[in-house]
C-alpha atoms as a PDB file:
ATOM      1  CA  MET A   1       3.520 -10.560 -40.351  1.00  0.00           C
ATOM      2  CA  VAL A   2       3.046 -11.940 -36.820  1.00  0.00           C
ATOM      3  CA  ILE A   3       6.202 -13.218 -35.120  1.00  0.00           C
ATOM      4  CA  PRO A   4       5.455 -15.882 -32.466  1.00  0.00           C
ATOM      5  CA  LEU A   5       7.009 -15.336 -29.042  1.00  0.00           C
ATOM      6  CA  ILE A   6       7.849 -19.028 -28.693  1.00  0.00           C
ATOM      7  CA  THR A   7       9.959 -20.391 -31.535  1.00  0.00           C
ATOM      8  CA  PRO A   8      12.187 -23.485 -31.821  1.00  0.00           C
ATOM      9  CA  ALA A   9      15.102 -21.201 -30.947  1.00  0.00           C
ATOM     10  CA  THR A  10      13.507 -19.838 -27.764  1.00  0.00           C
ATOM     11  CA  GLU A  11      11.455 -22.791 -26.573  1.00  0.00           C
ATOM     12  CA  GLY A  12      12.804 -24.102 -23.282  1.00  0.00           C
ATOM     13  CA  ALA A  13      15.224 -21.181 -22.930  1.00  0.00           C
ATOM     14  CA  LEU A  14      16.108 -19.929 -19.455  1.00  0.00           C
ATOM     15  CA  LEU A  15      14.619 -16.718 -18.102  1.00  0.00           C
ATOM     16  CA  VAL A  16      16.942 -13.749 -18.520  1.00  0.00           C
ATOM     17  CA  PRO A  17      17.857 -11.913 -15.285  1.00  0.00           C
ATOM     18  CA  TYR A  18      18.160  -8.123 -15.243  1.00  0.00           C
ATOM     19  CA  ARG A  19      19.085  -5.427 -12.728  1.00  0.00           C
ATOM     20  CA  ALA A  20      16.240  -3.774 -10.822  1.00  0.00           C
ATOM     21  CA  THR A  21      15.665  -1.750  -7.655  1.00  0.00           C
ATOM     22  CA  LEU A  22      13.423  -2.450  -4.691  1.00  0.00           C
ATOM     23  CA  ASP A  23      11.634   0.382  -2.887  1.00  0.00           C
ATOM     24  CA  VAL A  24      12.395  -0.694   0.677  1.00  0.00           C
ATOM     25  CA  PRO A  25      15.044   0.692   3.059  1.00  0.00           C
ATOM     26  CA  HIS A  26      18.419  -1.061   3.033  1.00  0.00           C
ATOM     27  CA  GLU A  27      18.154  -1.259   6.832  1.00  0.00           C
ATOM     28  CA  LEU A  28      15.007  -3.380   6.513  1.00  0.00           C
ATOM     29  CA  VAL A  29      16.815  -5.948   4.371  1.00  0.00           C
ATOM     30  CA  GLU A  30      19.659  -5.998   6.887  1.00  0.00           C
ATOM     31  CA  HIS A  31      17.242  -6.528   9.784  1.00  0.00           C
ATOM     32  CA  VAL A  32      15.537  -9.461   8.058  1.00  0.00           C
ATOM     33  CA  ALA A  33      18.989 -10.864   7.264  1.00  0.00           C
ATOM     34  CA  TRP A  34      19.878 -10.625  10.965  1.00  0.00           C
ATOM     35  CA  LEU A  35      16.714 -12.563  11.895  1.00  0.00           C
ATOM     36  CA  LEU A  36      17.626 -15.238   9.360  1.00  0.00           C
ATOM     37  CA  ASP A  37      21.177 -15.417  10.694  1.00  0.00           C
ATOM     38  CA  GLU A  38      19.828 -16.000  14.217  1.00  0.00           C
ATOM     39  CA  HIS A  39      17.474 -18.665  12.823  1.00  0.00           C
ATOM     40  CA  ARG A  40      20.316 -20.453  11.051  1.00  0.00           C
ATOM     41  CA  ARG A  41      22.534 -20.354  14.131  1.00  0.00           C
ATOM     42  CA  THR A  42      19.735 -21.797  16.271  1.00  0.00           C
ATOM     43  CA  ARG A  43      19.177 -24.639  13.823  1.00  0.00           C
ATOM     44  CA  ASN A  44      22.899 -25.056  13.118  1.00  0.00           C
ATOM     45  CA  THR A  45      22.105 -24.881   9.415  1.00  0.00           C
ATOM     46  CA  ARG A  46      24.757 -25.921   6.946  1.00  0.00           C
ATOM     47  CA  TRP A  47      25.984 -23.885   3.995  1.00  0.00           C
ATOM     48  CA  ARG A  48      23.335 -22.312   1.767  1.00  0.00           C
ATOM     49  CA  LYS A  49      23.621 -21.175  -1.829  1.00  0.00           C
ATOM     50  CA  LEU A  50      22.317 -17.745  -0.805  1.00  0.00           C
ATOM     51  CA  GLY A  51      23.599 -15.839   2.185  1.00  0.00           C
ATOM     52  CA  CYS A  52      21.223 -14.332   4.736  1.00  0.00           C
ATOM     53  CA  PHE A  53      21.166 -10.910   3.046  1.00  0.00           C
ATOM     54  CA  ASP A  54      20.328 -12.356  -0.382  1.00  0.00           C
ATOM     55  CA  GLN A  55      17.672 -14.651   1.101  1.00  0.00           C
ATOM     56  CA  ALA A  56      16.100 -11.649   2.836  1.00  0.00           C
ATOM     57  CA  LEU A  57      16.217  -9.653  -0.399  1.00  0.00           C
ATOM     58  CA  LEU A  58      14.682 -12.578  -2.309  1.00  0.00           C
ATOM     59  CA  THR A  59      11.704 -12.650   0.048  1.00  0.00           C
ATOM     60  CA  LEU A  60      11.172  -8.902   0.024  1.00  0.00           C
ATOM     61  CA  VAL A  61      11.203  -8.881  -3.787  1.00  0.00           C
ATOM     62  CA  HIS A  62       8.560 -11.621  -3.788  1.00  0.00           C
ATOM     63  CA  LEU A  63       6.331  -9.762  -1.329  1.00  0.00           C
ATOM     64  CA  ARG A  64       6.840  -6.283  -2.723  1.00  0.00           C
ATOM     65  CA  LYS A  65       6.713  -7.036  -6.446  1.00  0.00           C
ATOM     66  CA  ASN A  66       4.670 -10.285  -6.485  1.00  0.00           C
ATOM     67  CA  GLU A  67       7.085 -11.948  -8.869  1.00  0.00           C
ATOM     68  CA  THR A  68       6.747 -15.667  -9.515  1.00  0.00           C
ATOM     69  CA  PHE A  69       9.229 -18.163  -8.128  1.00  0.00           C
ATOM     70  CA  SER A  70      10.499 -18.802 -11.661  1.00  0.00           C
ATOM     71  CA  GLN A  71      11.322 -15.113 -12.030  1.00  0.00           C
ATOM     72  CA  LEU A  72      12.898 -14.993  -8.576  1.00  0.00           C
ATOM     73  CA  GLY A  73      15.016 -18.036  -9.290  1.00  0.00           C
ATOM     74  CA  ALA A  74      16.298 -16.557 -12.535  1.00  0.00           C
ATOM     75  CA  GLY A  75      17.153 -13.277 -10.853  1.00  0.00           C
ATOM     76  CA  PHE A  76      19.046 -14.863  -7.952  1.00  0.00           C
ATOM     77  CA  GLY A  77      20.634 -17.770  -9.818  1.00  0.00           C
ATOM     78  CA  ILE A  78      18.738 -20.553  -8.015  1.00  0.00           C
ATOM     79  CA  SER A  79      16.058 -23.038  -8.985  1.00  0.00           C
ATOM     80  CA  GLN A  80      12.332 -22.385  -8.679  1.00  0.00           C
ATOM     81  CA  ALA A  81      12.028 -24.979  -5.887  1.00  0.00           C
ATOM     82  CA  THR A  82      14.909 -23.441  -3.932  1.00  0.00           C
ATOM     83  CA  ALA A  83      13.379 -19.982  -4.261  1.00  0.00           C
ATOM     84  CA  TRP A  84      10.113 -21.327  -2.848  1.00  0.00           C
ATOM     85  CA  ARG A  85      11.871 -22.973   0.104  1.00  0.00           C
ATOM     86  CA  TYR A  86      13.881 -19.839   0.938  1.00  0.00           C
ATOM     87  CA  VAL A  87      10.815 -17.583   0.803  1.00  0.00           C
ATOM     88  CA  ASP A  88       8.742 -20.029   2.836  1.00  0.00           C
ATOM     89  CA  GLU A  89      11.434 -20.243   5.503  1.00  0.00           C
ATOM     90  CA  THR A  90      11.780 -16.458   5.730  1.00  0.00           C
ATOM     91  CA  LEU A  91       8.018 -15.989   6.045  1.00  0.00           C
ATOM     92  CA  ASP A  92       7.923 -18.437   8.944  1.00  0.00           C
ATOM     93  CA  VAL A  93      10.771 -16.577  10.675  1.00  0.00           C
ATOM     94  CA  LEU A  94       9.026 -13.205  10.239  1.00  0.00           C
ATOM     95  CA  THR A  95       5.691 -14.609  11.411  1.00  0.00           C
ATOM     96  CA  GLY A  96       7.293 -15.720  14.651  1.00  0.00           C
ATOM     97  CA  TRP A  97       8.018 -12.064  15.470  1.00  0.00           C
ATOM     98  CA  ALA A  98       4.491 -10.772  14.781  1.00  0.00           C
ATOM     99  CA  PRO A  99       2.651  -9.663  17.971  1.00  0.00           C
ATOM    100  CA  GLY A 100      -0.337 -11.606  19.293  1.00  0.00           C
ATOM    101  CA  LEU A 101      -3.649  -9.922  20.099  1.00  0.00           C
ATOM    102  CA  HIS A 102      -3.034  -9.464  23.828  1.00  0.00           C
ATOM    103  CA  GLU A 103       0.545  -8.352  23.225  1.00  0.00           C
ATOM    104  CA  ALA A 104      -0.660  -5.755  20.704  1.00  0.00           C
ATOM    105  CA  LEU A 105      -3.110  -4.286  23.226  1.00  0.00           C
ATOM    106  CA  THR A 106      -0.529  -4.063  26.005  1.00  0.00           C
ATOM    107  CA  GLY A 107      -0.390  -0.550  27.394  1.00  0.00           C
ATOM    108  CA  LEU A 108      -3.937   0.287  26.276  1.00  0.00           C
ATOM    109  CA  GLY A 109      -6.800   0.546  28.737  1.00  0.00           C
ATOM    110  CA  GLU A 110      -9.792   2.574  29.839  1.00  0.00           C
ATOM    111  CA  GLY A 111      -9.842   5.940  28.115  1.00  0.00           C
ATOM    112  CA  ASP A 112      -8.027   4.708  24.997  1.00  0.00           C
ATOM    113  CA  HIS A 113      -9.701   3.873  21.700  1.00  0.00           C
ATOM    114  CA  VAL A 114      -8.792   1.815  18.652  1.00  0.00           C
ATOM    115  CA  ILE A 115     -10.238   1.346  15.171  1.00  0.00           C
ATOM    116  CA  VAL A 116     -11.353  -2.105  14.022  1.00  0.00           C
ATOM    117  CA  ASP A 117     -12.132  -2.955  10.408  1.00  0.00           C
ATOM    118  CA  GLY A 118     -11.858  -5.771   7.906  1.00  0.00           C
ATOM    119  CA  THR A 119     -10.385  -6.021   4.428  1.00  0.00           C
ATOM    120  CA  LEU A 120     -10.381  -8.605   1.647  1.00  0.00           C
ATOM    121  CA  ILE A 121      -7.169 -10.087   0.270  1.00  0.00           C
ATOM    122  CA  PRO A 122      -8.192 -11.001  -3.306  1.00  0.00           C
ATOM    123  CA  THR A 123      -7.307 -14.472  -4.559  1.00  0.00           C
ATOM    124  CA  GLY A 124      -7.516 -16.221  -7.898  1.00  0.00           C
ATOM    125  CA  ARG A 125     -10.239 -18.615  -6.827  1.00  0.00           C
ATOM    126  CA  ILE A 126     -12.982 -19.946  -9.127  1.00  0.00           C
ATOM    127  CA  ALA A 127     -16.733 -19.454  -8.779  1.00  0.00           C
ATOM    128  CA  ALA A 128     -17.179 -22.920  -7.264  1.00  0.00           C
ATOM    129  CA  ASP A 129     -15.185 -21.886  -4.179  1.00  0.00           C
ATOM    130  CA  GLU A 130     -18.232 -20.425  -2.429  1.00  0.00           C
ATOM    131  CA  PRO A 131     -16.703 -19.987   1.049  1.00  0.00           C
ATOM    132  CA  TYR A 132     -14.113 -17.622  -0.432  1.00  0.00           C
ATOM    133  CA  TYR A 133     -16.579 -15.392  -2.304  1.00  0.00           C
ATOM    134  CA  SER A 134     -17.350 -12.058  -0.643  1.00  0.00           C
ATOM    135  CA  GLN A 135     -20.766 -10.657  -1.529  1.00  0.00           C
ATOM    136  CA  LYS A 136     -19.658  -7.274  -0.216  1.00  0.00           C
ATOM    137  CA  HIS A 137     -16.620  -6.997  -2.511  1.00  0.00           C
ATOM    138  CA  ARG A 138     -18.001  -9.169  -5.346  1.00  0.00           C
ATOM    139  CA  LYS A 139     -14.810 -11.196  -5.596  1.00  0.00           C
ATOM    140  CA  HIS A 140     -13.020 -14.187  -4.082  1.00  0.00           C
ATOM    141  CA  GLY A 141     -10.576 -13.654  -1.270  1.00  0.00           C
ATOM    142  CA  MET A 142      -9.715 -13.957   2.405  1.00  0.00           C
ATOM    143  CA  ASN A 143     -11.031 -11.764   5.231  1.00  0.00           C
ATOM    144  CA  VAL A 144      -8.428 -10.105   7.474  1.00  0.00           C
ATOM    145  CA  GLN A 145      -9.301  -7.988  10.529  1.00  0.00           C
ATOM    146  CA  VAL A 146      -7.127  -5.127  11.735  1.00  0.00           C
ATOM    147  CA  ILE A 147      -6.850  -3.206  14.987  1.00  0.00           C
ATOM    148  CA  ALA A 148      -5.325   0.217  14.403  1.00  0.00           C
ATOM    149  CA  ARG A 149      -4.312   3.178  16.535  1.00  0.00           C
ATOM    150  CA  PRO A 150      -6.252   6.450  16.131  1.00  0.00           C
ATOM    151  CA  ASP A 151      -3.581   7.636  13.668  1.00  0.00           C
ATOM    152  CA  GLY A 152      -3.973   4.510  11.515  1.00  0.00           C
ATOM    153  CA  THR A 153      -0.852   2.675  12.684  1.00  0.00           C
ATOM    154  CA  PRO A 154      -1.707  -1.060  12.671  1.00  0.00           C
ATOM    155  CA  LEU A 155      -1.460  -2.774  16.057  1.00  0.00           C
ATOM    156  CA  TRP A 156      -2.560  -6.253  15.034  1.00  0.00           C
ATOM    157  CA  PHE A 157      -3.684  -8.226  11.999  1.00  0.00           C
ATOM    158  CA  SER A 158      -5.805 -11.351  12.380  1.00  0.00           C
ATOM    159  CA  ARG A 159      -5.344 -14.689  10.697  1.00  0.00           C
ATOM    160  CA  ALA A 160      -7.152 -14.948   7.355  1.00  0.00           C
ATOM    161  CA  THR A 161     -10.637 -16.480   7.132  1.00  0.00           C
ATOM    162  CA  PRO A 162     -12.724 -17.253   3.989  1.00  0.00           C
ATOM    163  CA  GLY A 163     -13.969 -14.147   2.200  1.00  0.00           C
ATOM    164  CA  ARG A 164     -17.652 -14.685   2.902  1.00  0.00           C
ATOM    165  CA  THR A 165     -17.046 -14.434   6.680  1.00  0.00           C
ATOM    166  CA  HIS A 166     -18.945 -11.448   8.068  1.00  0.00           C
ATOM    167  CA  ASP A 167     -16.772  -8.830   9.778  1.00  0.00           C
ATOM    168  CA  LEU A 168     -18.627  -9.130  13.092  1.00  0.00           C
ATOM    169  CA  THR A 169     -18.375 -12.922  13.025  1.00  0.00           C
ATOM    170  CA  ALA A 170     -14.633 -12.680  12.319  1.00  0.00           C
ATOM    171  CA  ALA A 171     -14.072 -10.091  15.079  1.00  0.00           C
ATOM    172  CA  CYS A 172     -15.828 -12.272  17.651  1.00  0.00           C
ATOM    173  CA  ALA A 173     -14.047 -15.434  16.487  1.00  0.00           C
ATOM    174  CA  HIS A 174     -10.632 -13.754  16.791  1.00  0.00           C
ATOM    175  CA  GLY A 175     -11.476 -12.531  20.306  1.00  0.00           C
ATOM    176  CA  ILE A 176     -11.227  -8.832  19.439  1.00  0.00           C
ATOM    177  CA  VAL A 177     -14.498  -7.791  21.068  1.00  0.00           C
ATOM    178  CA  GLN A 178     -13.809  -9.659  24.317  1.00  0.00           C
ATOM    179  CA  ALA A 179     -10.181  -8.501  24.537  1.00  0.00           C
ATOM    180  CA  CYS A 180     -11.184  -4.840  24.200  1.00  0.00           C
ATOM    181  CA  LEU A 181     -14.041  -5.273  26.678  1.00  0.00           C
ATOM    182  CA  THR A 182     -11.674  -6.760  29.261  1.00  0.00           C
ATOM    183  CA  ARG A 183      -9.431  -3.705  29.016  1.00  0.00           C
ATOM    184  CA  GLN A 184     -12.353  -1.261  28.644  1.00  0.00           C
ATOM    185  CA  ILE A 185     -10.956   0.007  25.342  1.00  0.00           C
ATOM    186  CA  LEU A 186     -13.398   1.921  23.153  1.00  0.00           C
ATOM    187  CA  VAL A 187     -13.670   0.373  19.678  1.00  0.00           C
ATOM    188  CA  LEU A 188     -14.690   2.461  16.665  1.00  0.00           C
ATOM    189  CA  ALA A 189     -16.127   0.332  13.868  1.00  0.00           C
ATOM    190  CA  ASP A 190     -18.430   0.631  10.860  1.00  0.00           C
ATOM    191  CA  ARG A 191     -22.009  -0.652  10.544  1.00  0.00           C
ATOM    192  CA  ALA A 192     -20.844  -4.204   9.820  1.00  0.00           C
ATOM    193  CA  TYR A 193     -20.088  -4.528  13.553  1.00  0.00           C
ATOM    194  CA  GLN A 194     -23.492  -3.427  14.834  1.00  0.00           C
ATOM    195  CA  GLY A 195     -24.707  -5.762  17.520  1.00  0.00           C
ATOM    196  CA  ALA A 196     -21.242  -6.376  18.965  1.00  0.00           C
ATOM    197  CA  GLY A 197     -22.214  -4.471  22.117  1.00  0.00           C
ATOM    198  CA  ALA A 198     -19.555  -4.255  24.800  1.00  0.00           C
ATOM    199  CA  THR A 199     -17.298  -1.259  24.103  1.00  0.00           C
ATOM    200  CA  VAL A 200     -17.878  -1.245  20.323  1.00  0.00           C
ATOM    201  CA  ARG A 201     -19.299   2.022  18.939  1.00  0.00           C
ATOM    202  CA  THR A 202     -20.875   1.977  15.458  1.00  0.00           C
ATOM    203  CA  PRO A 203     -22.729   4.572  13.339  1.00  0.00           C
ATOM    204  CA  TYR A 204     -26.506   4.918  13.347  1.00  0.00           C
ATOM    205  CA  TYR A 205     -28.539   3.353  10.540  1.00  0.00           C
ATOM    206  CA  ARG A 206     -30.700   5.718   8.457  1.00  0.00           C
ATOM    207  CA  HIS A 207     -29.157   8.693  10.190  1.00  0.00           C
ATOM    208  CA  ARG A 208     -30.611  11.093   7.602  1.00  0.00           C
ATOM    209  CA  GLU A 209     -34.067  10.269   8.945  1.00  0.00           C
ATOM    210  CA  GLN A 210     -32.959  10.891  12.535  1.00  0.00           C
ATOM    211  CA  PRO A 211     -32.512  14.165  14.487  1.00  0.00           C
ATOM    212  CA  GLU A 212     -29.613  16.405  13.505  1.00  0.00           C
ATOM    213  CA  HIS A 213     -27.370  15.287  16.394  1.00  0.00           C
ATOM    214  CA  TYR A 214     -27.528  11.712  15.020  1.00  0.00           C
ATOM    215  CA  GLN A 215     -26.169  12.982  11.715  1.00  0.00           C
ATOM    216  CA  GLN A 216     -23.423  14.907  13.503  1.00  0.00           C
ATOM    217  CA  PHE A 217     -22.510  11.772  15.470  1.00  0.00           C
ATOM    218  CA  ASN A 218     -22.093   9.775  12.261  1.00  0.00           C
ATOM    219  CA  GLN A 219     -19.971  12.488  10.673  1.00  0.00           C
ATOM    220  CA  ASP A 220     -17.681  12.667  13.693  1.00  0.00           C
ATOM    221  CA  ASP A 221     -17.490   8.871  13.841  1.00  0.00           C
ATOM    222  CA  ALA A 222     -16.534   8.629  10.147  1.00  0.00           C
ATOM    223  CA  ARG A 223     -13.811  11.251  10.648  1.00  0.00           C
ATOM    224  CA  LEU A 224     -12.312   9.310  13.562  1.00  0.00           C
ATOM    225  CA  ARG A 225     -12.401   6.007  11.659  1.00  0.00           C
ATOM    226  CA  ALA A 226     -10.913   7.370   8.436  1.00  0.00           C
ATOM    227  CA  PRO A 227      -7.254   6.720   9.419  1.00  0.00           C
ATOM    228  CA  ASP A 228      -7.853   2.931   9.389  1.00  0.00           C
ATOM    229  CA  GLU A 229      -7.502   3.064   5.604  1.00  0.00           C
ATOM    230  CA  ARG A 230      -3.859   3.954   6.209  1.00  0.00           C
ATOM    231  CA  ALA A 231      -3.328   0.580   7.872  1.00  0.00           C
ATOM    232  CA  PHE A 232      -4.757  -1.269   4.866  1.00  0.00           C
ATOM    233  CA  ALA A 233      -2.808   0.910   2.443  1.00  0.00           C
ATOM    234  CA  GLN A 234       0.431  -0.052   4.204  1.00  0.00           C
ATOM    235  CA  LEU A 235      -0.549  -3.731   4.128  1.00  0.00           C
ATOM    236  CA  LYS A 236      -1.363  -3.715   0.430  1.00  0.00           C
ATOM    237  CA  SER A 237       1.680  -1.690  -0.540  1.00  0.00           C
ATOM    238  CA  TRP A 238       3.155  -5.204  -0.666  1.00  0.00           C
ATOM    239  CA  ARG A 239       1.786  -6.237  -4.058  1.00  0.00           C
ATOM    240  CA  LEU A 240       1.478  -9.908  -3.209  1.00  0.00           C
ATOM    241  CA  LEU A 241      -1.512  -8.989  -1.028  1.00  0.00           C
ATOM    242  CA  ARG A 242      -3.287  -7.144  -3.833  1.00  0.00           C
ATOM    243  CA  ARG A 243      -3.952 -10.449  -5.566  1.00  0.00           C
ATOM    244  CA  ALA A 244      -2.534 -13.541  -3.888  1.00  0.00           C
ATOM    245  CA  ARG A 245      -1.638 -16.493  -6.100  1.00  0.00           C
ATOM    246  CA  CYS A 246      -0.600 -18.736  -3.214  1.00  0.00           C
ATOM    247  CA  SER A 247      -2.623 -21.228  -1.195  1.00  0.00           C
ATOM    248  CA  THR A 248      -5.307 -19.609   0.965  1.00  0.00           C
ATOM    249  CA  ARG A 249      -3.706 -21.335   3.973  1.00  0.00           C
ATOM    250  CA  ARG A 250      -0.555 -19.246   3.501  1.00  0.00           C
ATOM    251  CA  ILE A 251      -2.222 -15.833   3.281  1.00  0.00           C
ATOM    252  CA  GLY A 252      -2.484 -15.487   7.067  1.00  0.00           C
ATOM    253  CA  THR A 253       1.235 -16.251   7.369  1.00  0.00           C
ATOM    254  CA  ILE A 254       2.069 -13.645   4.721  1.00  0.00           C
ATOM    255  CA  VAL A 255      -0.053 -11.009   6.478  1.00  0.00           C
ATOM    256  CA  GLN A 256       1.734 -11.673   9.785  1.00  0.00           C
ATOM    257  CA  ALA A 257       5.124 -11.543   8.049  1.00  0.00           C
ATOM    258  CA  VAL A 258       4.275  -8.204   6.436  1.00  0.00           C
ATOM    259  CA  HIS A 259       3.148  -6.874   9.827  1.00  0.00           C
ATOM    260  CA  THR A 260       6.580  -7.725  11.239  1.00  0.00           C
ATOM    261  CA  LEU A 261       8.167  -5.836   8.336  1.00  0.00           C
ATOM    262  CA  LEU A 262       5.948  -2.831   9.039  1.00  0.00           C
ATOM    263  CA  ILE A 263       6.959  -2.873  12.712  1.00  0.00           C
ATOM    264  CA  CYS A 264      10.632  -3.008  11.680  1.00  0.00           C
ATOM    265  CA  SER A 265      10.051  -0.026   9.376  1.00  0.00           C
ATOM    266  CA  TYR A 266       8.508   2.004  12.221  1.00  0.00           C
ATOM    267  CA  ALA A 267      11.403   1.106  14.511  1.00  0.00           C
ATOM    268  CA  GLY A 268      13.876   2.205  11.887  1.00  0.00           C
END
């Protein structure tokens, strides 16, 4: 016998909250709470149903576990709309602390090198949304560029552009190529960035048909660029960015907010 999940007794029932743990340092929640406290003092905000610590925790749960606002509201004893407002406010506060491109490159100059690459933040778009469809990844999403240190530590994440945007087009539009040229910073990138010129170094095409030193160059280049996957792994450790259900206009804000959280984690 099949027992339906929705019955007259359960229809319209409230979600049931339960205890759970979050795999982030307690100090990170406290730091976000401090930023929110400063924000509230600046705006002279009146009483809120959730204190700064709980609002910070609410947002981190949303980002880390990708729970819906209905689930968040049930867990924290607030409405779905209130949960959305609190998360949205916290994201805006965190975004304000994310470094800009020129700020991220401060201290770097001639003789230094960085790794530049792009990743796709998958979204639940439909086939008709052509600008968001990436032929490379065969799915809908938003393109995000990253500048990383040689060890893979992210220095800067770009705003999000539609998934079909080519990596080289995105890098030029964000000013990455020009900013690195101005400072004479060597940029290591994959074949998608060929033609960028300036200080951008990319692998050779068809290197197996070229002399042996071409093959060695590509092997060395791949080894130096490998740590950039660490930057993307840290970004997507926040499950919301593995498959975003929000508006595409908010993905860039979420990426910047997560970058601020990563910086806070390094500092801690």
